Amino acid sequence: MAEPSVHNIIVTGVGGQGNVLASQIIATAAVNSGYFVSVGETFGASQRGGSVMSHIRISREEAYGPLIPRGKATMIVGFEPLETLRTLIPYGNKETGVIMNLRSNYPLSVLVGEDTYPEIEKIKEAIAANSRFLVALEATELAVAAGVPVGTNMVMTGAFAGAGVLPIPPETYEGVIAGLFGGELLELNLAAFRAGLKAIAADQDLAGQRR
């Protein structure tokens, strides 16, 4: 199947999860592979756990504006379940693919008892009903197992790389990561990245949805 004229990818989460770095790695890997790339970022109260969303537009043909039009996302990489759903509603469509971390990050209103957080299964059902596919990962736990408790972003980057959204080999992403870290930090971050790759490779549902 021919590659689409533009890949509209949104990386979304809350402040402190490292999703901006993940988007930079994805964008740099695409640039290094000869694509035109535009990146736009929107921030809520990121220092207080507010929404943080990066738009990445990747094309072989031309440079697109940095912000993805509503309803035009081709892939959403969600670091937090509720933020993933909140992003899918305005930007997704029935052809949008979703990769989501299952670990919740409760807002202050929930922590103080003023609000309630939806059940994870309800969030998953809503996303699955409004997308082409949903792959839900225990990315935070995989990062901890890899020895990088704050490496959820690297696990999610690995999951994206392994999902086949872009025809870019994992080694290209690893080269970008190697330019950011050295020594033991590099090895730990590569371990987290590879944990995401392995998790996606093991997901049979995704294999049936690729096209």
N, C-alpha and C. Protein backbone atom coordinates (compact mmCIF):
# COMPACT_ATOMS: atom_id res chain seq x y z
N MET A 1 0.85 -1.20 0.00
CA MET A 1 0.00 0.00 0.00
C MET A 1 0.88 1.25 0.00
N ALA A 2 0.50 2.24 -0.81
CA ALA A 2 1.28 3.46 -0.92
C ALA A 2 1.30 4.22 0.41
N GLU A 3 2.43 4.85 0.68
CA GLU A 3 2.54 5.64 1.90
C GLU A 3 1.65 6.87 1.79
N PRO A 4 0.92 7.25 2.86
CA PRO A 4 0.08 8.45 2.80
C PRO A 4 0.92 9.70 2.58
N SER A 5 0.26 10.75 2.05
CA SER A 5 0.99 11.99 1.76
C SER A 5 1.51 12.65 3.03
N VAL A 6 0.83 12.45 4.14
CA VAL A 6 1.28 13.03 5.41
C VAL A 6 0.88 12.11 6.56
N HIS A 7 1.80 11.91 7.49
CA HIS A 7 1.52 11.20 8.74
C HIS A 7 1.28 12.25 9.81
N ASN A 8 0.09 12.24 10.39
CA ASN A 8 -0.26 13.19 11.44
C ASN A 8 -0.24 12.47 12.79
N ILE A 9 0.79 12.69 13.56
CA ILE A 9 1.02 11.95 14.80
C ILE A 9 0.92 12.90 15.99
N ILE A 10 0.15 12.51 16.99
CA ILE A 10 0.05 13.30 18.21
C ILE A 10 0.60 12.48 19.37
N VAL A 11 1.52 13.07 20.11
CA VAL A 11 2.05 12.48 21.34
C VAL A 11 1.46 13.29 22.49
N THR A 12 0.71 12.63 23.35
CA THR A 12 -0.03 13.38 24.37
C THR A 12 0.15 12.77 25.75
N GLY A 13 0.10 13.60 26.77
CA GLY A 13 0.23 13.15 28.14
C GLY A 13 0.11 14.34 29.08
N VAL A 14 0.74 14.22 30.23
CA VAL A 14 0.73 15.33 31.20
C VAL A 14 2.16 15.71 31.51
N GLY A 15 2.31 16.90 32.07
CA GLY A 15 3.64 17.41 32.37
C GLY A 15 4.43 16.48 33.26
N GLY A 16 5.70 16.30 32.91
CA GLY A 16 6.58 15.45 33.70
C GLY A 16 6.73 14.04 33.19
N GLN A 17 5.97 13.67 32.16
CA GLN A 17 6.05 12.30 31.65
C GLN A 17 7.10 12.12 30.55
N GLY A 18 7.67 13.19 30.07
CA GLY A 18 8.70 13.09 29.05
C GLY A 18 8.18 12.93 27.64
N ASN A 19 6.91 13.27 27.41
CA ASN A 19 6.38 13.07 26.07
C ASN A 19 6.94 14.05 25.04
N VAL A 20 7.40 15.23 25.49
CA VAL A 20 8.01 16.16 24.55
C VAL A 20 9.31 15.57 24.00
N LEU A 21 10.11 14.94 24.87
CA LEU A 21 11.34 14.30 24.41
C LEU A 21 11.03 13.17 23.44
N ALA A 22 10.00 12.41 23.73
CA ALA A 22 9.61 11.33 22.83
C ALA A 22 9.26 11.88 21.46
N SER A 23 8.52 12.97 21.42
CA SER A 23 8.15 13.55 20.12
C SER A 23 9.37 14.06 19.39
N GLN A 24 10.35 14.58 20.12
CA GLN A 24 11.57 15.06 19.48
C GLN A 24 12.37 13.91 18.87
N ILE A 25 12.38 12.76 19.55
CA ILE A 25 13.09 11.60 19.02
C ILE A 25 12.42 11.10 17.75
N ILE A 26 11.08 11.01 17.77
CA ILE A 26 10.34 10.58 16.58
C ILE A 26 10.59 11.54 15.42
N ALA A 27 10.50 12.84 15.70
CA ALA A 27 10.69 13.83 14.64
C ALA A 27 12.10 13.78 14.07
N THR A 28 13.10 13.66 14.94
CA THR A 28 14.49 13.63 14.48
C THR A 28 14.77 12.37 13.66
N ALA A 29 14.21 11.24 14.08
CA ALA A 29 14.38 10.00 13.31
C ALA A 29 13.79 10.16 11.91
N ALA A 30 12.66 10.86 11.81
CA ALA A 30 12.03 11.09 10.51
C ALA A 30 12.88 12.02 9.65
N VAL A 31 13.40 13.09 10.25
CA VAL A 31 14.29 14.00 9.50
C VAL A 31 15.51 13.24 8.99
N ASN A 32 16.10 12.43 9.85
CA ASN A 32 17.29 11.66 9.46
C ASN A 32 16.99 10.64 8.37
N SER A 33 15.70 10.34 8.18
CA SER A 33 15.29 9.39 7.15
C SER A 33 14.80 10.08 5.89
N GLY A 34 15.00 11.40 5.82
CA GLY A 34 14.70 12.12 4.59
C GLY A 34 13.31 12.70 4.48
N TYR A 35 12.55 12.73 5.56
CA TYR A 35 11.20 13.30 5.54
C TYR A 35 11.23 14.81 5.81
N PHE A 36 10.19 15.49 5.32
CA PHE A 36 9.86 16.82 5.80
C PHE A 36 9.12 16.65 7.12
N VAL A 37 9.48 17.43 8.13
CA VAL A 37 8.87 17.28 9.45
C VAL A 37 8.53 18.65 10.03
N SER A 38 7.31 18.77 10.55
CA SER A 38 6.89 19.96 11.29
C SER A 38 6.40 19.52 12.66
N VAL A 39 6.77 20.27 13.69
CA VAL A 39 6.37 19.93 15.06
C VAL A 39 5.72 21.13 15.70
N GLY A 40 4.57 20.93 16.31
CA GLY A 40 3.89 21.97 17.08
C GLY A 40 3.53 21.42 18.44
N GLU A 41 3.69 22.22 19.47
CA GLU A 41 3.43 21.75 20.83
C GLU A 41 2.47 22.68 21.54
N THR A 42 1.58 22.10 22.33
CA THR A 42 0.67 22.87 23.17
C THR A 42 0.84 22.42 24.61
N PHE A 43 0.85 23.37 25.52
CA PHE A 43 1.08 23.08 26.92
C PHE A 43 -0.06 23.63 27.77
N GLY A 44 -0.53 22.81 28.72
CA GLY A 44 -1.41 23.32 29.76
C GLY A 44 -0.52 23.74 30.92
N ALA A 45 -0.97 23.49 32.11
CA ALA A 45 -0.16 23.78 33.30
C ALA A 45 0.82 22.63 33.50
N SER A 46 1.81 22.57 32.60
CA SER A 46 2.66 21.38 32.53
C SER A 46 3.44 21.13 33.81
N GLN A 47 3.80 22.17 34.54
CA GLN A 47 4.54 21.97 35.78
C GLN A 47 3.66 21.40 36.89
N ARG A 48 2.34 21.45 36.69
CA ARG A 48 1.41 20.93 37.71
C ARG A 48 0.66 19.71 37.19
N GLY A 49 1.26 19.03 36.24
CA GLY A 49 0.60 17.83 35.72
C GLY A 49 -0.47 18.14 34.70
N GLY A 50 -0.41 19.31 34.08
CA GLY A 50 -1.40 19.67 33.06
C GLY A 50 -1.10 19.00 31.73
N SER A 51 -2.01 19.18 30.79
CA SER A 51 -1.90 18.54 29.49
C SER A 51 -0.69 19.05 28.71
N VAL A 52 0.00 18.12 28.05
CA VAL A 52 1.11 18.46 27.15
C VAL A 52 0.90 17.63 25.88
N MET A 53 0.83 18.30 24.74
CA MET A 53 0.53 17.61 23.49
C MET A 53 1.46 18.10 22.39
N SER A 54 2.06 17.16 21.67
CA SER A 54 2.93 17.49 20.55
C SER A 54 2.31 16.98 19.26
N HIS A 55 2.25 17.85 18.26
CA HIS A 55 1.79 17.49 16.92
C HIS A 55 3.02 17.27 16.05
N ILE A 56 3.10 16.14 15.37
CA ILE A 56 4.21 15.84 14.47
C ILE A 56 3.63 15.53 13.09
N ARG A 57 4.01 16.31 12.11
CA ARG A 57 3.52 16.11 10.74
C ARG A 57 4.69 15.72 9.85
N ILE A 58 4.61 14.54 9.27
CA ILE A 58 5.73 13.93 8.57
C ILE A 58 5.30 13.59 7.15
N SER A 59 6.08 14.06 6.16
CA SER A 59 5.71 13.84 4.76
C SER A 59 6.95 13.69 3.89
N ARG A 60 6.84 12.87 2.85
CA ARG A 60 7.89 12.76 1.85
C ARG A 60 7.81 13.90 0.83
N GLU A 61 6.66 14.56 0.76
CA GLU A 61 6.38 15.46 -0.35
C GLU A 61 6.60 16.94 -0.06
N GLU A 62 6.21 17.39 1.12
CA GLU A 62 6.27 18.82 1.43
C GLU A 62 6.21 19.04 2.93
N ALA A 63 6.53 20.27 3.34
CA ALA A 63 6.42 20.64 4.75
C ALA A 63 5.01 21.17 5.01
N TYR A 64 4.34 20.56 5.96
CA TYR A 64 2.99 20.97 6.33
C TYR A 64 3.05 21.93 7.53
N GLY A 65 1.96 22.65 7.76
CA GLY A 65 1.87 23.48 8.95
C GLY A 65 1.99 22.63 10.19
N PRO A 66 2.46 23.20 11.31
CA PRO A 66 2.79 22.38 12.48
C PRO A 66 1.59 21.82 13.25
N LEU A 67 0.42 22.38 13.10
CA LEU A 67 -0.73 21.91 13.88
C LEU A 67 -1.64 21.04 13.03
N ILE A 68 -1.98 19.89 13.55
CA ILE A 68 -2.83 18.92 12.87
C ILE A 68 -4.28 19.40 12.92
N PRO A 69 -4.97 19.44 11.79
CA PRO A 69 -6.39 19.82 11.81
C PRO A 69 -7.21 18.83 12.63
N ARG A 70 -8.29 19.31 13.19
CA ARG A 70 -9.17 18.43 13.97
C ARG A 70 -9.71 17.31 13.10
N GLY A 71 -9.74 16.13 13.66
CA GLY A 71 -10.24 14.97 12.96
C GLY A 71 -9.26 14.34 11.99
N LYS A 72 -8.00 14.79 11.96
CA LYS A 72 -7.06 14.32 10.95
C LYS A 72 -5.86 13.56 11.51
N ALA A 73 -5.85 13.21 12.78
CA ALA A 73 -4.72 12.45 13.33
C ALA A 73 -4.72 11.05 12.76
N THR A 74 -3.55 10.58 12.33
CA THR A 74 -3.43 9.20 11.87
C THR A 74 -2.96 8.28 12.99
N MET A 75 -2.26 8.83 13.98
CA MET A 75 -1.78 8.04 15.11
C MET A 75 -1.73 8.91 16.35
N ILE A 76 -2.20 8.38 17.46
CA ILE A 76 -2.08 9.04 18.76
C ILE A 76 -1.28 8.14 19.68
N VAL A 77 -0.22 8.69 20.25
CA VAL A 77 0.61 7.99 21.23
C VAL A 77 0.31 8.63 22.58
N GLY A 78 -0.42 7.93 23.42
CA GLY A 78 -0.91 8.51 24.67
C GLY A 78 -0.18 7.97 25.88
N PHE A 79 0.39 8.89 26.65
CA PHE A 79 1.13 8.50 27.85
C PHE A 79 0.23 8.34 29.07
N GLU A 80 -1.01 8.79 28.97
CA GLU A 80 -1.94 8.76 30.11
C GLU A 80 -3.33 8.49 29.55
N PRO A 81 -4.10 7.55 30.14
CA PRO A 81 -5.35 7.12 29.53
C PRO A 81 -6.38 8.22 29.26
N LEU A 82 -6.69 9.02 30.27
CA LEU A 82 -7.73 10.03 30.08
C LEU A 82 -7.28 11.10 29.08
N GLU A 83 -6.00 11.47 29.13
CA GLU A 83 -5.50 12.44 28.16
C GLU A 83 -5.55 11.87 26.74
N THR A 84 -5.34 10.58 26.62
CA THR A 84 -5.43 9.93 25.30
C THR A 84 -6.84 10.07 24.75
N LEU A 85 -7.84 9.77 25.57
CA LEU A 85 -9.22 9.90 25.13
C LEU A 85 -9.57 11.35 24.82
N ARG A 86 -9.12 12.26 25.67
CA ARG A 86 -9.40 13.68 25.44
C ARG A 86 -8.79 14.17 24.14
N THR A 87 -7.69 13.59 23.73
CA THR A 87 -7.05 13.97 22.46
C THR A 87 -7.75 13.31 21.27
N LEU A 88 -8.13 12.05 21.45
CA LEU A 88 -8.79 11.33 20.36
C LEU A 88 -10.11 11.99 19.97
N ILE A 89 -10.87 12.47 20.92
CA ILE A 89 -12.20 13.01 20.62
C ILE A 89 -12.14 14.13 19.58
N PRO A 90 -11.30 15.16 19.76
CA PRO A 90 -11.27 16.21 18.74
C PRO A 90 -10.40 15.91 17.53
N TYR A 91 -9.34 15.13 17.71
CA TYR A 91 -8.36 14.99 16.63
C TYR A 91 -8.43 13.66 15.88
N GLY A 92 -9.08 12.66 16.46
CA GLY A 92 -9.10 11.35 15.85
C GLY A 92 -10.27 11.13 14.91
N ASN A 93 -10.25 9.95 14.29
CA ASN A 93 -11.35 9.49 13.44
C ASN A 93 -11.32 7.97 13.43
N LYS A 94 -12.19 7.36 12.70
CA LYS A 94 -12.30 5.90 12.70
C LYS A 94 -11.07 5.21 12.11
N GLU A 95 -10.20 5.96 11.45
CA GLU A 95 -8.98 5.39 10.88
C GLU A 95 -7.74 5.68 11.71
N THR A 96 -7.92 6.33 12.85
CA THR A 96 -6.79 6.68 13.72
C THR A 96 -6.35 5.47 14.53
N GLY A 97 -5.05 5.23 14.58
CA GLY A 97 -4.50 4.20 15.45
C GLY A 97 -4.09 4.80 16.78
N VAL A 98 -4.18 4.04 17.85
CA VAL A 98 -3.86 4.55 19.19
C VAL A 98 -2.95 3.56 19.91
N ILE A 99 -1.85 4.07 20.45
CA ILE A 99 -1.00 3.32 21.37
C ILE A 99 -1.05 4.05 22.70
N MET A 100 -1.42 3.36 23.77
CA MET A 100 -1.68 4.04 25.04
C MET A 100 -1.02 3.34 26.21
N ASN A 101 -0.42 4.13 27.09
CA ASN A 101 0.07 3.64 28.38
C ASN A 101 -1.11 3.53 29.33
N LEU A 102 -1.19 2.44 30.07
CA LEU A 102 -2.33 2.21 30.96
C LEU A 102 -2.21 2.87 32.32
N ARG A 103 -1.04 3.40 32.67
CA ARG A 103 -0.87 3.99 34.00
C ARG A 103 -1.56 5.36 34.07
N SER A 104 -2.47 5.51 35.02
CA SER A 104 -3.19 6.77 35.20
C SER A 104 -2.34 7.77 35.98
N ASN A 105 -2.54 9.03 35.69
CA ASN A 105 -1.92 10.12 36.42
C ASN A 105 -3.06 11.01 36.91
N TYR A 106 -3.45 10.84 38.17
CA TYR A 106 -4.66 11.48 38.65
C TYR A 106 -4.48 12.98 38.83
N PRO A 107 -5.41 13.79 38.30
CA PRO A 107 -5.33 15.23 38.53
C PRO A 107 -5.63 15.56 39.99
N LEU A 108 -5.27 16.77 40.38
CA LEU A 108 -5.45 17.20 41.76
C LEU A 108 -6.90 17.09 42.21
N SER A 109 -7.82 17.42 41.33
CA SER A 109 -9.24 17.39 41.70
C SER A 109 -9.68 15.99 42.11
N VAL A 110 -9.07 14.96 41.50
CA VAL A 110 -9.38 13.58 41.88
C VAL A 110 -8.71 13.23 43.20
N LEU A 111 -7.47 13.67 43.36
CA LEU A 111 -6.72 13.35 44.57
C LEU A 111 -7.37 13.94 45.83
N VAL A 112 -8.00 15.10 45.69
CA VAL A 112 -8.63 15.74 46.86
C VAL A 112 -10.10 15.38 46.99
N GLY A 113 -10.58 14.50 46.12
CA GLY A 113 -11.94 14.01 46.25
C GLY A 113 -13.01 14.87 45.63
N GLU A 114 -12.63 15.86 44.84
CA GLU A 114 -13.62 16.74 44.21
C GLU A 114 -14.16 16.15 42.91
N ASP A 115 -13.46 15.20 42.36
CA ASP A 115 -13.84 14.62 41.07
C ASP A 115 -13.53 13.14 41.09
N THR A 116 -14.02 12.42 40.09
CA THR A 116 -13.73 11.00 39.97
C THR A 116 -13.05 10.72 38.64
N TYR A 117 -12.18 9.74 38.64
CA TYR A 117 -11.47 9.34 37.42
C TYR A 117 -12.23 8.17 36.80
N PRO A 118 -12.48 8.21 35.49
CA PRO A 118 -13.23 7.12 34.86
C PRO A 118 -12.50 5.78 34.99
N GLU A 119 -13.27 4.71 34.98
CA GLU A 119 -12.67 3.38 35.01
C GLU A 119 -11.84 3.17 33.74
N ILE A 120 -10.67 2.55 33.90
CA ILE A 120 -9.78 2.32 32.77
C ILE A 120 -10.47 1.53 31.67
N GLU A 121 -11.25 0.53 32.04
CA GLU A 121 -11.93 -0.27 31.02
C GLU A 121 -12.90 0.57 30.22
N LYS A 122 -13.56 1.53 30.86
CA LYS A 122 -14.48 2.42 30.15
C LYS A 122 -13.72 3.31 29.17
N ILE A 123 -12.55 3.78 29.59
CA ILE A 123 -11.72 4.59 28.70
C ILE A 123 -11.29 3.76 27.50
N LYS A 124 -10.84 2.54 27.75
CA LYS A 124 -10.41 1.66 26.66
C LYS A 124 -11.55 1.39 25.68
N GLU A 125 -12.75 1.14 26.22
CA GLU A 125 -13.90 0.87 25.36
C GLU A 125 -14.22 2.07 24.48
N ALA A 126 -14.16 3.26 25.05
CA ALA A 126 -14.47 4.48 24.30
C ALA A 126 -13.44 4.71 23.19
N ILE A 127 -12.18 4.48 23.51
CA ILE A 127 -11.12 4.66 22.50
C ILE A 127 -11.26 3.62 21.40
N ALA A 128 -11.44 2.36 21.78
CA ALA A 128 -11.55 1.29 20.79
C ALA A 128 -12.73 1.50 19.85
N ALA A 129 -13.80 2.07 20.37
CA ALA A 129 -15.00 2.30 19.56
C ALA A 129 -14.85 3.45 18.58
N ASN A 130 -13.84 4.28 18.79
CA ASN A 130 -13.69 5.48 17.97
C ASN A 130 -12.33 5.56 17.28
N SER A 131 -11.71 4.40 17.05
CA SER A 131 -10.40 4.36 16.40
C SER A 131 -10.29 3.09 15.59
N ARG A 132 -9.24 3.01 14.76
CA ARG A 132 -9.02 1.80 13.96
C ARG A 132 -8.49 0.68 14.81
N PHE A 133 -7.58 1.01 15.74
CA PHE A 133 -7.10 0.00 16.68
C PHE A 133 -6.58 0.71 17.93
N LEU A 134 -6.56 -0.03 19.02
CA LEU A 134 -5.99 0.44 20.28
C LEU A 134 -5.04 -0.63 20.78
N VAL A 135 -3.80 -0.22 21.05
CA VAL A 135 -2.85 -1.09 21.74
C VAL A 135 -2.59 -0.44 23.09
N ALA A 136 -2.95 -1.12 24.16
CA ALA A 136 -2.78 -0.59 25.51
C ALA A 136 -1.62 -1.33 26.18
N LEU A 137 -0.63 -0.58 26.63
CA LEU A 137 0.59 -1.15 27.21
C LEU A 137 0.76 -0.75 28.66
N GLU A 138 1.35 -1.63 29.44
CA GLU A 138 1.79 -1.28 30.79
C GLU A 138 3.19 -0.68 30.67
N ALA A 139 3.26 0.47 29.99
CA ALA A 139 4.57 1.05 29.65
C ALA A 139 5.36 1.45 30.88
N THR A 140 4.69 1.98 31.90
CA THR A 140 5.40 2.40 33.11
C THR A 140 6.04 1.20 33.79
N GLU A 141 5.30 0.09 33.87
CA GLU A 141 5.84 -1.11 34.48
C GLU A 141 7.00 -1.68 33.66
N LEU A 142 6.90 -1.61 32.34
CA LEU A 142 7.99 -2.07 31.49
C LEU A 142 9.24 -1.23 31.69
N ALA A 143 9.05 0.07 31.89
CA ALA A 143 10.20 0.95 32.15
C ALA A 143 10.88 0.60 33.46
N VAL A 144 10.08 0.35 34.48
CA VAL A 144 10.62 -0.02 35.78
C VAL A 144 11.40 -1.34 35.66
N ALA A 145 10.83 -2.30 34.94
CA ALA A 145 11.49 -3.59 34.76
C ALA A 145 12.81 -3.45 34.00
N ALA A 146 12.89 -2.43 33.13
CA ALA A 146 14.12 -2.20 32.37
C ALA A 146 15.15 -1.42 33.17
N GLY A 147 14.79 -1.03 34.39
CA GLY A 147 15.72 -0.31 35.25
C GLY A 147 15.67 1.19 35.10
N VAL A 148 14.60 1.70 34.43
CA VAL A 148 14.46 3.14 34.20
C VAL A 148 13.06 3.57 34.67
N PRO A 149 12.85 3.81 35.97
CA PRO A 149 11.52 4.15 36.45
C PRO A 149 10.91 5.36 35.76
N VAL A 150 11.76 6.28 35.26
CA VAL A 150 11.24 7.46 34.57
C VAL A 150 11.34 7.29 33.05
N GLY A 151 11.43 6.05 32.58
CA GLY A 151 11.64 5.79 31.16
C GLY A 151 10.40 5.41 30.39
N THR A 152 9.22 5.77 30.90
CA THR A 152 7.99 5.47 30.16
C THR A 152 8.05 6.05 28.76
N ASN A 153 8.63 7.25 28.63
CA ASN A 153 8.69 7.87 27.31
C ASN A 153 9.51 7.04 26.33
N MET A 154 10.57 6.39 26.80
CA MET A 154 11.37 5.57 25.90
C MET A 154 10.63 4.28 25.52
N VAL A 155 9.89 3.72 26.46
CA VAL A 155 9.08 2.54 26.14
C VAL A 155 8.04 2.90 25.08
N MET A 156 7.38 4.03 25.25
CA MET A 156 6.36 4.44 24.29
C MET A 156 6.96 4.79 22.94
N THR A 157 8.17 5.34 22.94
CA THR A 157 8.85 5.62 21.67
C THR A 157 9.17 4.31 20.96
N GLY A 158 9.63 3.32 21.72
CA GLY A 158 9.89 2.01 21.14
C GLY A 158 8.63 1.37 20.59
N ALA A 159 7.53 1.53 21.31
CA ALA A 159 6.26 0.98 20.84
C ALA A 159 5.84 1.63 19.53
N PHE A 160 6.00 2.95 19.46
CA PHE A 160 5.68 3.65 18.21
C PHE A 160 6.57 3.16 17.08
N ALA A 161 7.86 3.05 17.34
CA ALA A 161 8.80 2.62 16.30
C ALA A 161 8.44 1.23 15.79
N GLY A 162 8.00 0.36 16.69
CA GLY A 162 7.69 -1.01 16.31
C GLY A 162 6.33 -1.20 15.68
N ALA A 163 5.48 -0.17 15.74
CA ALA A 163 4.12 -0.30 15.24
C ALA A 163 4.04 -0.24 13.72
N GLY A 164 5.12 0.16 13.07
CA GLY A 164 5.13 0.19 11.62
C GLY A 164 4.40 1.37 11.01
N VAL A 165 4.18 2.42 11.79
CA VAL A 165 3.51 3.62 11.28
C VAL A 165 4.38 4.28 10.21
N LEU A 166 5.67 4.33 10.45
CA LEU A 166 6.63 4.89 9.51
C LEU A 166 7.61 3.80 9.09
N PRO A 167 8.03 3.79 7.83
CA PRO A 167 9.01 2.79 7.38
C PRO A 167 10.43 3.19 7.79
N ILE A 168 10.62 3.32 9.08
CA ILE A 168 11.92 3.71 9.63
C ILE A 168 12.37 2.60 10.58
N PRO A 169 13.55 2.05 10.39
CA PRO A 169 13.99 0.94 11.25
C PRO A 169 14.29 1.40 12.67
N PRO A 170 14.15 0.50 13.63
CA PRO A 170 14.44 0.86 15.03
C PRO A 170 15.84 1.42 15.22
N GLU A 171 16.79 0.97 14.42
CA GLU A 171 18.16 1.44 14.57
C GLU A 171 18.29 2.94 14.37
N THR A 172 17.41 3.51 13.55
CA THR A 172 17.45 4.97 13.34
C THR A 172 17.04 5.70 14.61
N TYR A 173 16.00 5.22 15.27
CA TYR A 173 15.60 5.82 16.55
C TYR A 173 16.70 5.65 17.59
N GLU A 174 17.30 4.48 17.60
CA GLU A 174 18.37 4.23 18.57
C GLU A 174 19.56 5.16 18.33
N GLY A 175 19.81 5.49 17.07
CA GLY A 175 20.88 6.43 16.77
C GLY A 175 20.58 7.82 17.33
N VAL A 176 19.31 8.22 17.27
CA VAL A 176 18.92 9.52 17.85
C VAL A 176 19.10 9.49 19.36
N ILE A 177 18.67 8.40 19.99
CA ILE A 177 18.81 8.27 21.45
C ILE A 177 20.28 8.31 21.84
N ALA A 178 21.12 7.69 21.03
CA ALA A 178 22.56 7.68 21.32
C ALA A 178 23.16 9.08 21.24
N GLY A 179 22.52 9.96 20.50
CA GLY A 179 22.98 11.34 20.44
C GLY A 179 22.55 12.17 21.63
N LEU A 180 21.65 11.62 22.44
CA LEU A 180 21.12 12.35 23.60
C LEU A 180 21.72 11.89 24.92
N PHE A 181 22.14 10.64 24.97
CA PHE A 181 22.63 10.06 26.22
C PHE A 181 23.97 9.37 25.98
N GLY A 182 24.67 9.12 27.05
CA GLY A 182 25.92 8.38 26.97
C GLY A 182 26.07 7.44 28.14
N GLY A 183 27.00 6.52 28.03
CA GLY A 183 27.33 5.63 29.14
C GLY A 183 26.15 4.81 29.62
N GLU A 184 26.02 4.72 30.94
CA GLU A 184 24.96 3.90 31.54
C GLU A 184 23.57 4.43 31.21
N LEU A 185 23.42 5.76 31.15
CA LEU A 185 22.12 6.33 30.79
C LEU A 185 21.69 5.89 29.41
N LEU A 186 22.63 5.82 28.49
CA LEU A 186 22.29 5.36 27.15
C LEU A 186 21.81 3.92 27.19
N GLU A 187 22.53 3.07 27.88
CA GLU A 187 22.14 1.66 27.93
C GLU A 187 20.77 1.47 28.57
N LEU A 188 20.49 2.23 29.62
CA LEU A 188 19.18 2.12 30.28
C LEU A 188 18.05 2.59 29.37
N ASN A 189 18.28 3.70 28.69
CA ASN A 189 17.24 4.22 27.80
C ASN A 189 17.03 3.32 26.60
N LEU A 190 18.10 2.73 26.09
CA LEU A 190 17.95 1.77 25.00
C LEU A 190 17.20 0.52 25.47
N ALA A 191 17.43 0.11 26.71
CA ALA A 191 16.71 -1.05 27.25
C ALA A 191 15.21 -0.76 27.32
N ALA A 192 14.85 0.46 27.74
CA ALA A 192 13.44 0.84 27.81
C ALA A 192 12.84 0.92 26.41
N PHE A 193 13.58 1.52 25.48
CA PHE A 193 13.11 1.59 24.08
C PHE A 193 12.85 0.19 23.53
N ARG A 194 13.77 -0.72 23.76
CA ARG A 194 13.64 -2.08 23.23
C ARG A 194 12.51 -2.85 23.92
N ALA A 195 12.21 -2.50 25.17
CA ALA A 195 11.07 -3.13 25.85
C ALA A 195 9.77 -2.75 25.15
N GLY A 196 9.67 -1.48 24.69
CA GLY A 196 8.50 -1.06 23.93
C GLY A 196 8.41 -1.78 22.59
N LEU A 197 9.55 -1.92 21.92
CA LEU A 197 9.57 -2.67 20.66
C LEU A 197 9.07 -4.10 20.86
N LYS A 198 9.56 -4.74 21.89
CA LYS A 198 9.19 -6.13 22.16
C LYS A 198 7.71 -6.26 22.48
N ALA A 199 7.19 -5.30 23.25
CA ALA A 199 5.78 -5.36 23.63
C ALA A 199 4.88 -5.23 22.40
N ILE A 200 5.25 -4.35 21.47
CA ILE A 200 4.46 -4.19 20.25
C ILE A 200 4.56 -5.43 19.37
N ALA A 201 5.75 -5.99 19.27
CA ALA A 201 5.95 -7.18 18.44
C ALA A 201 5.10 -8.35 18.93
N ALA A 202 4.84 -8.36 20.24
CA ALA A 202 4.06 -9.46 20.83
C ALA A 202 2.56 -9.23 20.74
N ASP A 203 2.14 -8.05 20.26
CA ASP A 203 0.70 -7.74 20.22
C ASP A 203 0.08 -8.25 18.93
N GLN A 204 -0.66 -9.33 19.03
CA GLN A 204 -1.25 -9.93 17.84
C GLN A 204 -2.36 -9.09 17.24
N ASP A 205 -3.09 -8.34 18.07
CA ASP A 205 -4.16 -7.49 17.56
C ASP A 205 -3.62 -6.44 16.61
N LEU A 206 -2.49 -5.83 16.97
CA LEU A 206 -1.90 -4.80 16.13
C LEU A 206 -1.46 -5.41 14.80
N ALA A 207 -0.88 -6.60 14.85
CA ALA A 207 -0.40 -7.24 13.62
C ALA A 207 -1.53 -7.37 12.61
N GLY A 208 -2.73 -7.63 13.10
CA GLY A 208 -3.87 -7.78 12.18
C GLY A 208 -4.43 -6.47 11.69
N GLN A 209 -4.05 -5.35 12.33
CA GLN A 209 -4.60 -4.06 11.96
C GLN A 209 -3.67 -3.28 11.03
N ARG A 210 -2.42 -3.69 10.89
CA ARG A 210 -1.48 -2.93 10.06
C ARG A 210 -1.91 -2.96 8.60
N ARG A 211 -1.85 -1.81 7.96
CA ARG A 211 -2.15 -1.73 6.52
C ARG A 211 -1.63 -0.43 5.96
